[in-house]
Amino acid sequence: MNDIVRVDHVFDYNDSLGCETLHPLVSVIDFSEVRPIRSSLRSFGVYAIFLKDVKCGDMIYGRQTYDYQEGTLVCLAPGQVFGAKDDGQLRQPKGWALLFHPDLLRGTQLGRNIRNYTFFSYEVREALHLSEQERRTILDCLHNIRHELQHAIDRQFITRSDVAGKDILARFERTLDDYFLSDKPQTEGLPTVQYCAQELHLSANYFGDLVKRLTGKTAQEHIRLRLIDAAKERIADPARSIAEVAYELGFKYPAHFTRLFKNVVGCTPNRYRNIN
């Protein structure tokens, strides 16, 4: 299989390696702690910097193939493809990786100027070859970032996750409740992750990463489950037809509602009404 795997968020890459996500926007990975993995081509939606401590063989960077040597630095920007074709073999990766989401830089001077760093470009035909001093400097930086992620006292995604996270999830639920109690489903359709994030004054990517880390489910999955709960409440009213329930919830076509309901609940809305 040579399918391209999407890495739209930091946790996508962490999950593929079996690593814990300590922060939704940034991650440092020591590949010596990762289980053997199969090669794959990945399309990155995040920035990624790889310090390779092993000869990599034929690695694909954009449309070119390179033979990366030990002690090189590979830098990727969102939208780029990097990796190797899956040959079915398990290999133990070696080196380090730093991944960070573009939202981490949003509104900063680095975010405004990062396009000027040409080593993030496909036009660069070689990885950065490091001296031993440069390699030690980069490793020191990676160790420091990792230490901050693991041990920071006042990091909201670790020590304050129970307070801040539960508050955001509670506000998320209230936002959905208010949405379904209003006439917005009829005028604006089904609620979206973007809408909920805006109501909570968060970026959609940041909000999505946070919900995923705190609950193990995506924000879209939460919306779908709350939608089904609202549907069950309305279906229990025999005065409402299934089509009316569908339109009240924001579906343009009752058939789409019936299909989603059956996929989630395991039976059609009519069947659910008859057995409850």
C-alpha atoms as a PDB file:
ATOM      1  CA  MET A   1       0.000   0.000   0.000  1.00  0.00           C
ATOM      2  CA  ASN A   2       1.360   3.416  -0.957  1.00  0.00           C
ATOM      3  CA  ASP A   3      -1.515   5.590   0.206  1.00  0.00           C
ATOM      4  CA  ILE A   4      -0.598   9.029   1.502  1.00  0.00           C
ATOM      5  CA  VAL A   5      -1.411   9.427   5.204  1.00  0.00           C
ATOM      6  CA  ARG A   6      -2.672  12.855   6.249  1.00  0.00           C
ATOM      7  CA  VAL A   7      -1.104  14.499   9.293  1.00  0.00           C
ATOM      8  CA  ASP A   8      -3.380  17.486   9.837  1.00  0.00           C
ATOM      9  CA  HIS A   9      -2.763  17.785  13.579  1.00  0.00           C
ATOM     10  CA  VAL A  10       0.028  17.020  15.992  1.00  0.00           C
ATOM     11  CA  PHE A  11      -1.985  14.218  17.585  1.00  0.00           C
ATOM     12  CA  ASP A  12      -2.364  12.506  14.176  1.00  0.00           C
ATOM     13  CA  TYR A  13       1.387  11.918  14.070  1.00  0.00           C
ATOM     14  CA  ASN A  14       1.632  11.063  17.765  1.00  0.00           C
ATOM     15  CA  ASP A  15      -1.167   8.505  17.480  1.00  0.00           C
ATOM     16  CA  SER A  16       0.497   6.820  14.507  1.00  0.00           C
ATOM     17  CA  LEU A  17       3.576   6.222  16.669  1.00  0.00           C
ATOM     18  CA  GLY A  18       1.745   5.386  19.885  1.00  0.00           C
ATOM     19  CA  CYS A  19       2.986   8.560  21.603  1.00  0.00           C
ATOM     20  CA  GLU A  20       1.039  10.590  24.155  1.00  0.00           C
ATOM     21  CA  THR A  21      -0.051  14.072  23.084  1.00  0.00           C
ATOM     22  CA  LEU A  22       1.033  16.457  25.837  1.00  0.00           C
ATOM     23  CA  HIS A  23       0.011  19.606  23.965  1.00  0.00           C
ATOM     24  CA  PRO A  24      -2.354  19.863  20.973  1.00  0.00           C
ATOM     25  CA  LEU A  25      -0.116  22.279  19.071  1.00  0.00           C
ATOM     26  CA  VAL A  26       3.438  21.026  19.614  1.00  0.00           C
ATOM     27  CA  SER A  27       5.232  17.714  20.131  1.00  0.00           C
ATOM     28  CA  VAL A  28       8.803  16.479  20.552  1.00  0.00           C
ATOM     29  CA  ILE A  29       9.450  12.807  19.776  1.00  0.00           C
ATOM     30  CA  ASP A  30      12.499  10.698  20.618  1.00  0.00           C
ATOM     31  CA  PHE A  31      12.296   7.890  18.071  1.00  0.00           C
ATOM     32  CA  SER A  32      14.316   5.562  20.308  1.00  0.00           C
ATOM     33  CA  GLU A  33      11.172   5.357  22.475  1.00  0.00           C
ATOM     34  CA  VAL A  34       8.906   4.478  19.539  1.00  0.00           C
ATOM     35  CA  ARG A  35       7.991   0.945  18.527  1.00  0.00           C
ATOM     36  CA  PRO A  36       9.144  -0.326  15.113  1.00  0.00           C
ATOM     37  CA  ILE A  37       6.915   1.058  12.364  1.00  0.00           C
ATOM     38  CA  ARG A  38       6.240   0.565   8.677  1.00  0.00           C
ATOM     39  CA  SER A  39       7.243   3.205   6.179  1.00  0.00           C
ATOM     40  CA  SER A  40       4.599   5.532   4.798  1.00  0.00           C
ATOM     41  CA  LEU A  41       4.161   8.668   2.746  1.00  0.00           C
ATOM     42  CA  ARG A  42       2.683  11.462   4.831  1.00  0.00           C
ATOM     43  CA  SER A  43       1.067  14.731   3.789  1.00  0.00           C
ATOM     44  CA  PHE A  44       1.795  17.223   6.542  1.00  0.00           C
ATOM     45  CA  GLY A  45      -0.637  19.913   7.676  1.00  0.00           C
ATOM     46  CA  VAL A  46       1.837  20.937  10.385  1.00  0.00           C
ATOM     47  CA  TYR A  47       5.427  22.076  10.481  1.00  0.00           C
ATOM     48  CA  ALA A  48       7.864  19.227  11.099  1.00  0.00           C
ATOM     49  CA  ILE A  49      11.602  19.129  11.728  1.00  0.00           C
ATOM     50  CA  PHE A  50      13.320  15.733  11.705  1.00  0.00           C
ATOM     51  CA  LEU A  51      16.820  15.109  13.033  1.00  0.00           C
ATOM     52  CA  LYS A  52      17.860  11.875  11.324  1.00  0.00           C
ATOM     53  CA  ASP A  53      20.364   9.764  13.267  1.00  0.00           C
ATOM     54  CA  VAL A  54      20.325   6.838  10.871  1.00  0.00           C
ATOM     55  CA  LYS A  55      20.843   6.351   7.138  1.00  0.00           C
ATOM     56  CA  CYS A  56      17.315   6.606   5.753  1.00  0.00           C
ATOM     57  CA  GLY A  57      17.634   5.089   2.292  1.00  0.00           C
ATOM     58  CA  ASP A  58      15.294   6.339  -0.413  1.00  0.00           C
ATOM     59  CA  MET A  59      13.070   8.988   1.144  1.00  0.00           C
ATOM     60  CA  ILE A  60      10.555  10.899  -0.964  1.00  0.00           C
ATOM     61  CA  TYR A  61      10.522  14.673  -0.513  1.00  0.00           C
ATOM     62  CA  GLY A  62       7.907  16.276  -2.740  1.00  0.00           C
ATOM     63  CA  ARG A  63       8.381  14.681  -6.160  1.00  0.00           C
ATOM     64  CA  GLN A  64      12.040  13.841  -5.669  1.00  0.00           C
ATOM     65  CA  THR A  65      13.766  10.875  -4.018  1.00  0.00           C
ATOM     66  CA  TYR A  66      16.779  11.430  -1.787  1.00  0.00           C
ATOM     67  CA  ASP A  67      19.141   9.190   0.137  1.00  0.00           C
ATOM     68  CA  TYR A  68      19.358  10.971   3.473  1.00  0.00           C
ATOM     69  CA  GLN A  69      22.492  10.283   5.475  1.00  0.00           C
ATOM     70  CA  GLU A  70      22.941  10.103   9.225  1.00  0.00           C
ATOM     71  CA  GLY A  71      23.027  13.459  11.016  1.00  0.00           C
ATOM     72  CA  THR A  72      20.814  15.472   8.656  1.00  0.00           C
ATOM     73  CA  LEU A  73      17.972  17.841   9.402  1.00  0.00           C
ATOM     74  CA  VAL A  74      14.789  17.662   7.299  1.00  0.00           C
ATOM     75  CA  CYS A  75      12.345  20.579   7.545  1.00  0.00           C
ATOM     76  CA  LEU A  76       8.756  20.426   6.293  1.00  0.00           C
ATOM     77  CA  ALA A  77       6.040  23.053   5.994  1.00  0.00           C
ATOM     78  CA  PRO A  78       2.270  22.438   5.856  1.00  0.00           C
ATOM     79  CA  GLY A  79       1.180  21.042   2.508  1.00  0.00           C
ATOM     80  CA  GLN A  80       4.344  19.028   1.870  1.00  0.00           C
ATOM     81  CA  VAL A  81       4.703  15.271   1.406  1.00  0.00           C
ATOM     82  CA  PHE A  82       7.555  13.295   2.927  1.00  0.00           C
ATOM     83  CA  GLY A  83       8.365   9.667   3.708  1.00  0.00           C
ATOM     84  CA  ALA A  84       8.981   6.364   2.024  1.00  0.00           C
ATOM     85  CA  LYS A  85       6.776   3.868   0.256  1.00  0.00           C
ATOM     86  CA  ASP A  86       5.432   1.055   2.407  1.00  0.00           C
ATOM     87  CA  ASP A  87       7.315  -2.153   1.605  1.00  0.00           C
ATOM     88  CA  GLY A  88       5.652  -4.121   4.395  1.00  0.00           C
ATOM     89  CA  GLN A  89       8.778  -4.159   6.595  1.00  0.00           C
ATOM     90  CA  LEU A  90       8.986  -2.942  10.192  1.00  0.00           C
ATOM     91  CA  ARG A  91      11.896  -0.617  10.977  1.00  0.00           C
ATOM     92  CA  GLN A  92      13.092   1.058  14.148  1.00  0.00           C
ATOM     93  CA  PRO A  93      13.306   4.815  13.510  1.00  0.00           C
ATOM     94  CA  LYS A  94      16.202   6.699  15.042  1.00  0.00           C
ATOM     95  CA  GLY A  95      16.527  10.396  15.784  1.00  0.00           C
ATOM     96  CA  TRP A  96      14.163  13.134  16.895  1.00  0.00           C
ATOM     97  CA  ALA A  97      11.182  15.071  15.578  1.00  0.00           C
ATOM     98  CA  LEU A  98       9.658  18.436  16.418  1.00  0.00           C
ATOM     99  CA  LEU A  99       6.138  19.078  15.133  1.00  0.00           C
ATOM    100  CA  PHE A 100       4.100  22.232  15.625  1.00  0.00           C
ATOM    101  CA  HIS A 101       0.770  23.405  14.279  1.00  0.00           C
ATOM    102  CA  PRO A 102       0.571  26.723  12.379  1.00  0.00           C
ATOM    103  CA  ASP A 103      -1.819  28.010  15.077  1.00  0.00           C
ATOM    104  CA  LEU A 104       1.112  27.992  17.508  1.00  0.00           C
ATOM    105  CA  LEU A 105       2.677  30.821  15.461  1.00  0.00           C
ATOM    106  CA  ARG A 106      -0.483  32.714  14.603  1.00  0.00           C
ATOM    107  CA  GLY A 107      -0.124  36.435  15.309  1.00  0.00           C
ATOM    108  CA  THR A 108       3.591  36.192  16.130  1.00  0.00           C
ATOM    109  CA  GLN A 109       6.557  37.683  14.321  1.00  0.00           C
ATOM    110  CA  LEU A 110       7.857  34.186  13.558  1.00  0.00           C
ATOM    111  CA  GLY A 111       4.489  33.269  12.072  1.00  0.00           C
ATOM    112  CA  ARG A 112       4.642  36.286   9.781  1.00  0.00           C
ATOM    113  CA  ASN A 113       8.200  35.570   8.654  1.00  0.00           C
ATOM    114  CA  ILE A 114       8.472  31.782   8.589  1.00  0.00           C
ATOM    115  CA  ARG A 115       7.976  31.682   4.817  1.00  0.00           C
ATOM    116  CA  ASN A 116      11.344  33.420   4.521  1.00  0.00           C
ATOM    117  CA  TYR A 117      13.107  30.368   5.957  1.00  0.00           C
ATOM    118  CA  THR A 118      13.899  28.604   2.696  1.00  0.00           C
ATOM    119  CA  PHE A 119      14.867  25.298   4.304  1.00  0.00           C
ATOM    120  CA  PHE A 120      11.113  24.646   4.678  1.00  0.00           C
ATOM    121  CA  SER A 121      10.759  24.691   0.890  1.00  0.00           C
ATOM    122  CA  TYR A 122      10.553  21.900  -1.678  1.00  0.00           C
ATOM    123  CA  GLU A 123      13.019  23.936  -3.717  1.00  0.00           C
ATOM    124  CA  VAL A 124      15.791  22.933  -1.326  1.00  0.00           C
ATOM    125  CA  ARG A 125      17.354  19.860  -2.943  1.00  0.00           C
ATOM    126  CA  GLU A 126      19.334  18.687   0.084  1.00  0.00           C
ATOM    127  CA  ALA A 127      18.648  18.259   3.769  1.00  0.00           C
ATOM    128  CA  LEU A 128      20.682  20.395   6.163  1.00  0.00           C
ATOM    129  CA  HIS A 129      23.947  18.650   7.037  1.00  0.00           C
ATOM    130  CA  LEU A 130      24.948  19.409  10.616  1.00  0.00           C
ATOM    131  CA  SER A 131      28.268  19.689  12.323  1.00  0.00           C
ATOM    132  CA  GLU A 132      28.562  17.867  15.645  1.00  0.00           C
ATOM    133  CA  GLN A 133      28.297  21.191  17.520  1.00  0.00           C
ATOM    134  CA  GLU A 134      25.171  22.129  15.577  1.00  0.00           C
ATOM    135  CA  ARG A 135      23.689  18.715  16.289  1.00  0.00           C
ATOM    136  CA  ARG A 136      24.304  19.111  20.035  1.00  0.00           C
ATOM    137  CA  THR A 137      22.742  22.574  19.985  1.00  0.00           C
ATOM    138  CA  ILE A 138      19.600  21.289  18.300  1.00  0.00           C
ATOM    139  CA  LEU A 139      19.372  18.338  20.688  1.00  0.00           C
ATOM    140  CA  ASP A 140      19.636  20.737  23.634  1.00  0.00           C
ATOM    141  CA  CYS A 141      16.724  22.734  22.219  1.00  0.00           C
ATOM    142  CA  LEU A 142      14.628  19.617  21.717  1.00  0.00           C
ATOM    143  CA  HIS A 143      15.353  18.398  25.238  1.00  0.00           C
ATOM    144  CA  ASN A 144      14.363  21.794  26.672  1.00  0.00           C
ATOM    145  CA  ILE A 145      11.085  21.902  24.736  1.00  0.00           C
ATOM    146  CA  ARG A 146      10.293  18.351  25.786  1.00  0.00           C
ATOM    147  CA  HIS A 147      11.045  19.178  29.411  1.00  0.00           C
ATOM    148  CA  GLU A 148       8.634  22.115  29.241  1.00  0.00           C
ATOM    149  CA  LEU A 149       5.909  19.916  27.762  1.00  0.00           C
ATOM    150  CA  GLN A 150       6.330  17.221  30.417  1.00  0.00           C
ATOM    151  CA  HIS A 151       6.973  19.258  33.548  1.00  0.00           C
ATOM    152  CA  ALA A 152       5.655  22.827  33.165  1.00  0.00           C
ATOM    153  CA  ILE A 153       3.801  23.927  36.302  1.00  0.00           C
ATOM    154  CA  ASP A 154       1.302  26.265  34.678  1.00  0.00           C
ATOM    155  CA  ARG A 155       0.539  24.621  31.327  1.00  0.00           C
ATOM    156  CA  GLN A 156      -3.181  24.564  30.704  1.00  0.00           C
ATOM    157  CA  PHE A 157      -3.167  21.256  28.847  1.00  0.00           C
ATOM    158  CA  ILE A 158      -1.526  19.430  31.754  1.00  0.00           C
ATOM    159  CA  THR A 159      -1.968  20.797  35.275  1.00  0.00           C
ATOM    160  CA  ARG A 160      -5.059  22.870  34.469  1.00  0.00           C
ATOM    161  CA  SER A 161      -6.665  20.427  32.052  1.00  0.00           C
ATOM    162  CA  ASP A 162      -9.271  19.274  34.579  1.00  0.00           C
ATOM    163  CA  VAL A 163     -10.427  22.839  35.216  1.00  0.00           C
ATOM    164  CA  ALA A 164      -9.973  24.588  31.871  1.00  0.00           C
ATOM    165  CA  GLY A 165     -10.803  21.519  29.805  1.00  0.00           C
ATOM    166  CA  LYS A 166     -14.006  20.670  31.641  1.00  0.00           C
ATOM    167  CA  ASP A 167     -15.089  24.290  31.428  1.00  0.00           C
ATOM    168  CA  ILE A 168     -14.603  24.344  27.656  1.00  0.00           C
ATOM    169  CA  LEU A 169     -16.428  21.026  27.235  1.00  0.00           C
ATOM    170  CA  ALA A 170     -19.321  22.289  29.368  1.00  0.00           C
ATOM    171  CA  ARG A 171     -19.536  25.470  27.291  1.00  0.00           C
ATOM    172  CA  PHE A 172     -19.382  23.343  24.142  1.00  0.00           C
ATOM    173  CA  GLU A 173     -22.396  21.329  25.339  1.00  0.00           C
ATOM    174  CA  ARG A 174     -24.309  24.514  26.218  1.00  0.00           C
ATOM    175  CA  THR A 175     -23.529  25.950  22.801  1.00  0.00           C
ATOM    176  CA  LEU A 176     -25.033  22.891  21.123  1.00  0.00           C
ATOM    177  CA  ASP A 177     -28.063  22.896  23.433  1.00  0.00           C
ATOM    178  CA  ASP A 178     -28.736  26.562  22.687  1.00  0.00           C
ATOM    179  CA  TYR A 179     -28.291  25.946  18.962  1.00  0.00           C
ATOM    180  CA  PHE A 180     -30.893  23.183  18.802  1.00  0.00           C
ATOM    181  CA  LEU A 181     -33.323  25.161  20.962  1.00  0.00           C
ATOM    182  CA  SER A 182     -33.112  28.129  18.591  1.00  0.00           C
ATOM    183  CA  ASP A 183     -34.284  28.532  14.995  1.00  0.00           C
ATOM    184  CA  LYS A 184     -30.687  28.386  13.708  1.00  0.00           C
ATOM    185  CA  PRO A 185     -30.964  24.798  12.436  1.00  0.00           C
ATOM    186  CA  GLN A 186     -33.780  25.885  10.089  1.00  0.00           C
ATOM    187  CA  THR A 187     -31.940  28.999   8.905  1.00  0.00           C
ATOM    188  CA  GLU A 188     -28.287  27.922   9.001  1.00  0.00           C
ATOM    189  CA  GLY A 189     -28.366  24.127   8.867  1.00  0.00           C
ATOM    190  CA  LEU A 190     -26.450  21.692  11.047  1.00  0.00           C
ATOM    191  CA  PRO A 191     -23.968  23.126  13.568  1.00  0.00           C
ATOM    192  CA  THR A 192     -20.317  22.967  12.525  1.00  0.00           C
ATOM    193  CA  VAL A 193     -17.031  22.701  14.396  1.00  0.00           C
ATOM    194  CA  GLN A 194     -16.139  26.157  13.058  1.00  0.00           C
ATOM    195  CA  TYR A 195     -19.340  27.654  14.498  1.00  0.00           C
ATOM    196  CA  CYS A 196     -18.780  26.104  17.945  1.00  0.00           C
ATOM    197  CA  ALA A 197     -15.148  27.221  18.026  1.00  0.00           C
ATOM    198  CA  GLN A 198     -16.148  30.796  17.168  1.00  0.00           C
ATOM    199  CA  GLU A 199     -18.747  30.767  19.946  1.00  0.00           C
ATOM    200  CA  LEU A 200     -16.032  29.674  22.388  1.00  0.00           C
ATOM    201  CA  HIS A 201     -13.567  32.273  20.999  1.00  0.00           C
ATOM    202  CA  LEU A 202     -11.097  29.597  19.879  1.00  0.00           C
ATOM    203  CA  SER A 203      -9.622  28.735  16.512  1.00  0.00           C
ATOM    204  CA  ALA A 204     -11.218  25.672  14.921  1.00  0.00           C
ATOM    205  CA  ASN A 205      -7.908  23.778  14.858  1.00  0.00           C
ATOM    206  CA  TYR A 206      -7.067  24.590  18.468  1.00  0.00           C
ATOM    207  CA  PHE A 207     -10.597  23.699  19.593  1.00  0.00           C
ATOM    208  CA  GLY A 208     -10.578  20.437  17.659  1.00  0.00           C
ATOM    209  CA  ASP A 209      -7.199  19.391  19.044  1.00  0.00           C
ATOM    210  CA  LEU A 210      -8.264  20.205  22.609  1.00  0.00           C
ATOM    211  CA  VAL A 211     -11.532  18.237  22.409  1.00  0.00           C
ATOM    212  CA  LYS A 212      -9.725  15.264  20.900  1.00  0.00           C
ATOM    213  CA  ARG A 213      -7.076  15.237  23.597  1.00  0.00           C
ATOM    214  CA  LEU A 214      -9.514  15.628  26.487  1.00  0.00           C
ATOM    215  CA  THR A 215     -12.154  13.155  25.333  1.00  0.00           C
ATOM    216  CA  GLY A 216     -10.641  10.875  22.716  1.00  0.00           C
ATOM    217  CA  LYS A 217     -13.413  11.906  20.300  1.00  0.00           C
ATOM    218  CA  THR A 218     -13.351  14.587  17.636  1.00  0.00           C
ATOM    219  CA  ALA A 219     -15.470  17.711  17.960  1.00  0.00           C
ATOM    220  CA  GLN A 220     -17.501  16.535  14.961  1.00  0.00           C
ATOM    221  CA  GLU A 221     -18.249  13.261  16.737  1.00  0.00           C
ATOM    222  CA  HIS A 222     -19.511  15.214  19.752  1.00  0.00           C
ATOM    223  CA  ILE A 223     -21.764  17.309  17.534  1.00  0.00           C
ATOM    224  CA  ARG A 224     -23.155  14.193  15.900  1.00  0.00           C
ATOM    225  CA  LEU A 225     -23.899  12.530  19.252  1.00  0.00           C
ATOM    226  CA  ARG A 226     -25.637  15.657  20.568  1.00  0.00           C
ATOM    227  CA  LEU A 227     -27.612  15.828  17.335  1.00  0.00           C
ATOM    228  CA  ILE A 228     -28.812  12.252  17.850  1.00  0.00           C
ATOM    229  CA  ASP A 229     -29.793  13.039  21.456  1.00  0.00           C
ATOM    230  CA  ALA A 230     -31.859  15.987  20.238  1.00  0.00           C
ATOM    231  CA  ALA A 231     -33.406  13.782  17.571  1.00  0.00           C
ATOM    232  CA  LYS A 232     -34.416  11.126  20.109  1.00  0.00           C
ATOM    233  CA  GLU A 233     -36.171  13.762  22.227  1.00  0.00           C
ATOM    234  CA  ARG A 234     -38.193  14.959  19.244  1.00  0.00           C
ATOM    235  CA  ILE A 235     -38.943  11.494  17.897  1.00  0.00           C
ATOM    236  CA  ALA A 236     -40.573  10.655  21.237  1.00  0.00           C
ATOM    237  CA  ASP A 237     -43.284  13.215  20.409  1.00  0.00           C
ATOM    238  CA  PRO A 238     -45.817  11.337  18.248  1.00  0.00           C
ATOM    239  CA  ALA A 239     -47.229  14.656  16.984  1.00  0.00           C
ATOM    240  CA  ARG A 240     -44.030  15.223  15.003  1.00  0.00           C
ATOM    241  CA  SER A 241     -43.373  13.390  11.762  1.00  0.00           C
ATOM    242  CA  ILE A 242     -39.881  12.108  11.082  1.00  0.00           C
ATOM    243  CA  ALA A 243     -39.585  14.626   8.252  1.00  0.00           C
ATOM    244  CA  GLU A 244     -40.496  17.466  10.625  1.00  0.00           C
ATOM    245  CA  VAL A 245     -37.831  16.303  13.072  1.00  0.00           C
ATOM    246  CA  ALA A 246     -35.263  16.242  10.277  1.00  0.00           C
ATOM    247  CA  TYR A 247     -36.070  19.793   9.170  1.00  0.00           C
ATOM    248  CA  GLU A 248     -36.129  21.078  12.767  1.00  0.00           C
ATOM    249  CA  LEU A 249     -32.608  19.746  13.299  1.00  0.00           C
ATOM    250  CA  GLY A 250     -31.222  21.375  10.168  1.00  0.00           C
ATOM    251  CA  PHE A 251     -31.286  18.600   7.580  1.00  0.00           C
ATOM    252  CA  LYS A 252     -32.223  19.592   4.060  1.00  0.00           C
ATOM    253  CA  TYR A 253     -33.416  16.103   3.229  1.00  0.00           C
ATOM    254  CA  PRO A 254     -35.155  13.675   5.649  1.00  0.00           C
ATOM    255  CA  ALA A 255     -33.421  10.752   3.949  1.00  0.00           C
ATOM    256  CA  HIS A 256     -30.045  12.097   5.073  1.00  0.00           C
ATOM    257  CA  PHE A 257     -31.311  12.310   8.637  1.00  0.00           C
ATOM    258  CA  THR A 258     -32.662   8.753   8.520  1.00  0.00           C
ATOM    259  CA  ARG A 259     -29.374   7.430   7.165  1.00  0.00           C
ATOM    260  CA  LEU A 260     -27.288   9.155   9.858  1.00  0.00           C
ATOM    261  CA  PHE A 261     -29.668   8.087  12.633  1.00  0.00           C
ATOM    262  CA  LYS A 262     -29.527   4.458  11.535  1.00  0.00           C
ATOM    263  CA  ASN A 263     -25.732   4.517  11.270  1.00  0.00           C
ATOM    264  CA  VAL A 264     -25.404   5.828  14.836  1.00  0.00           C
ATOM    265  CA  VAL A 265     -28.330   4.184  16.637  1.00  0.00           C
ATOM    266  CA  GLY A 266     -28.642   0.984  14.633  1.00  0.00           C
ATOM    267  CA  CYS A 267     -32.234   1.402  13.538  1.00  0.00           C
ATOM    268  CA  THR A 268     -34.341   3.904  11.612  1.00  0.00           C
ATOM    269  CA  PRO A 269     -36.114   6.785  13.393  1.00  0.00           C
ATOM    270  CA  ASN A 270     -39.493   5.090  12.805  1.00  0.00           C
ATOM    271  CA  ARG A 271     -38.241   1.839  14.273  1.00  0.00           C
ATOM    272  CA  TYR A 272     -36.794   3.690  17.258  1.00  0.00           C
ATOM    273  CA  ARG A 273     -40.138   5.412  17.864  1.00  0.00           C
ATOM    274  CA  ASN A 274     -42.029   2.116  17.730  1.00  0.00           C
ATOM    275  CA  ILE A 275     -39.814   0.301  20.226  1.00  0.00           C
ATOM    276  CA  ASN A 276     -39.517   3.138  22.760  1.00  0.00           C
END
